[in-house]
Protein backbone atom coordinates (compact mmCIF):
# COMPACT_ATOMS: atom_id res chain seq x y z
CA MET A 1 -50.69 0.84 22.03
CA THR A 2 -50.06 -2.14 19.77
CA VAL A 3 -46.58 -3.67 19.77
CA GLY A 4 -45.32 -5.98 17.03
CA VAL A 5 -42.27 -8.21 17.15
CA LEU A 6 -40.75 -9.94 14.14
CA PHE A 7 -38.83 -13.16 14.79
CA GLU A 8 -36.90 -15.54 12.62
CA TYR A 9 -37.36 -19.26 13.24
CA ALA A 10 -35.53 -21.74 10.99
CA SER A 11 -35.17 -18.95 8.39
CA GLU A 12 -38.95 -18.38 8.42
CA PRO A 13 -40.38 -15.04 9.59
CA VAL A 14 -42.83 -15.18 12.50
CA GLU A 15 -44.72 -12.07 13.55
CA VAL A 16 -46.26 -11.54 16.98
CA ARG A 17 -48.70 -8.72 17.69
CA VAL A 18 -49.52 -7.60 21.22
CA ASP A 19 -52.73 -5.58 21.48
CA GLY A 20 -53.78 -5.22 25.10
CA THR A 21 -53.98 -8.76 26.47
CA ASN A 22 -54.60 -10.18 22.98
CA ILE A 23 -51.58 -11.94 21.51
CA LEU A 24 -51.71 -12.81 17.81
CA PHE A 25 -49.25 -14.89 15.77
CA LYS A 26 -48.63 -15.01 12.03
CA THR A 27 -46.33 -17.16 9.90
CA LEU A 28 -45.99 -17.69 6.17
CA GLN A 29 -47.92 -20.94 6.55
CA SER A 30 -50.83 -19.44 8.49
CA MET A 31 -53.68 -17.99 6.50
CA GLY A 32 -53.83 -14.93 8.75
CA TRP A 33 -53.50 -13.99 12.38
CA ILE A 34 -54.05 -16.80 14.88
CA THR A 35 -54.53 -16.66 18.63
CA ILE A 36 -52.71 -18.68 21.25
CA ASP A 37 -55.76 -20.98 21.33
CA ASN A 38 -55.06 -22.11 17.76
CA ILE A 39 -51.29 -22.26 17.80
CA ARG A 40 -49.44 -25.56 17.50
CA LEU A 41 -47.55 -26.43 20.66
CA ASP A 42 -44.76 -28.93 20.93
CA TYR A 43 -45.35 -31.44 23.73
CA SER A 44 -41.66 -31.68 24.68
CA GLY A 45 -41.35 -27.88 24.81
CA VAL A 46 -44.40 -27.59 27.05
CA ILE A 47 -43.08 -30.30 29.35
CA ARG A 48 -39.70 -28.53 29.62
CA GLU A 49 -41.52 -25.36 30.67
CA PHE A 50 -44.14 -27.09 32.86
CA PRO A 51 -42.83 -30.50 34.05
CA ASP A 52 -45.96 -31.05 36.13
CA LEU A 53 -48.02 -31.42 32.92
CA GLU A 54 -46.18 -34.56 31.81
CA GLY A 55 -48.69 -37.33 31.17
CA ALA A 56 -51.69 -35.02 31.54
CA ASP A 57 -54.43 -35.44 28.95
CA ASP A 58 -55.16 -31.70 28.89
CA TRP A 59 -51.52 -30.52 28.74
CA LYS A 60 -52.13 -28.17 25.81
CA GLU A 61 -55.18 -26.48 27.32
CA GLU A 62 -53.42 -26.06 30.66
CA ALA A 63 -50.28 -24.59 29.04
CA ILE A 64 -52.42 -22.11 27.08
CA GLN A 65 -54.30 -21.12 30.25
CA ARG A 66 -51.03 -20.52 32.13
CA PHE A 67 -49.76 -18.36 29.25
CA LYS A 68 -52.95 -16.27 29.30
CA GLU A 69 -52.71 -15.79 33.07
CA LYS A 70 -49.09 -14.66 32.80
CA ILE A 71 -49.98 -12.17 30.06
CA LYS A 72 -52.78 -10.69 32.19
CA GLU A 73 -50.34 -10.19 35.10
CA LEU A 74 -48.09 -7.94 33.01
CA LYS A 75 -49.12 -4.28 33.02
CA THR A 76 -48.27 -2.95 29.55
CA GLU A 77 -48.02 -4.15 25.96
CA LYS A 78 -44.30 -3.44 26.01
CA MET A 79 -43.82 -5.67 29.07
CA ARG A 80 -45.89 -8.41 27.39
CA ALA A 81 -43.83 -8.14 24.20
CA LYS A 82 -40.61 -8.37 26.22
CA TYR A 83 -41.91 -11.47 28.05
CA ILE A 84 -42.86 -13.15 24.76
CA THR A 85 -39.50 -12.22 23.24
CA GLU A 86 -37.56 -13.73 26.15
CA ASP A 87 -39.77 -16.84 26.21
CA LEU A 88 -39.49 -17.52 22.47
CA LYS A 89 -35.71 -16.98 22.53
CA LYS A 90 -35.48 -20.09 24.75
CA HIS A 91 -37.10 -22.10 21.95
CA GLY A 92 -34.82 -20.96 19.12
CA TYR A 93 -36.72 -17.91 17.86
CA ILE A 94 -34.44 -15.01 16.98
CA PRO A 95 -35.99 -11.57 17.59
CA ARG A 96 -35.21 -9.18 14.73
CA PHE A 97 -37.46 -6.10 14.99
CA MET A 98 -39.92 -4.47 17.37
CA GLN A 99 -42.44 -1.86 16.33
CA ARG A 100 -44.69 0.25 18.49
CA LYS A 101 -47.78 1.58 16.75
CA GLY A 102 -46.99 4.72 14.84
CA PHE A 103 -43.22 4.38 15.07
CA ARG A 104 -40.59 2.91 12.81
CA PRO A 105 -39.46 -0.66 13.46
CA GLU A 106 -36.40 -0.88 15.70
CA ALA A 107 -33.79 -3.60 15.31
CA ILE A 108 -33.48 -5.81 18.37
CA LYS A 109 -29.86 -6.36 19.35
């Protein structure tokens, strides 16, 4: 079951789609859906989350790998969407709606 979450970040909509262990992101600036492998990561944000990566040459690749491992540990798409929602909230993303495939979008309170 696919789960979509719509966020607002600096008044720009950001959509996240969870389909199995595949996580896709879409913004107004992106030309379509992008994977975690192609997303821009902020060095300071990664270091806040993973202090042991400070000064590492491969900090981005390692952060992406850790994210993928965490996603695989979670059992369902709903659990993965909840994890992503909680994680992005820490970085200023405001969750607005969640939609499970085939159902109407639900406002996130």
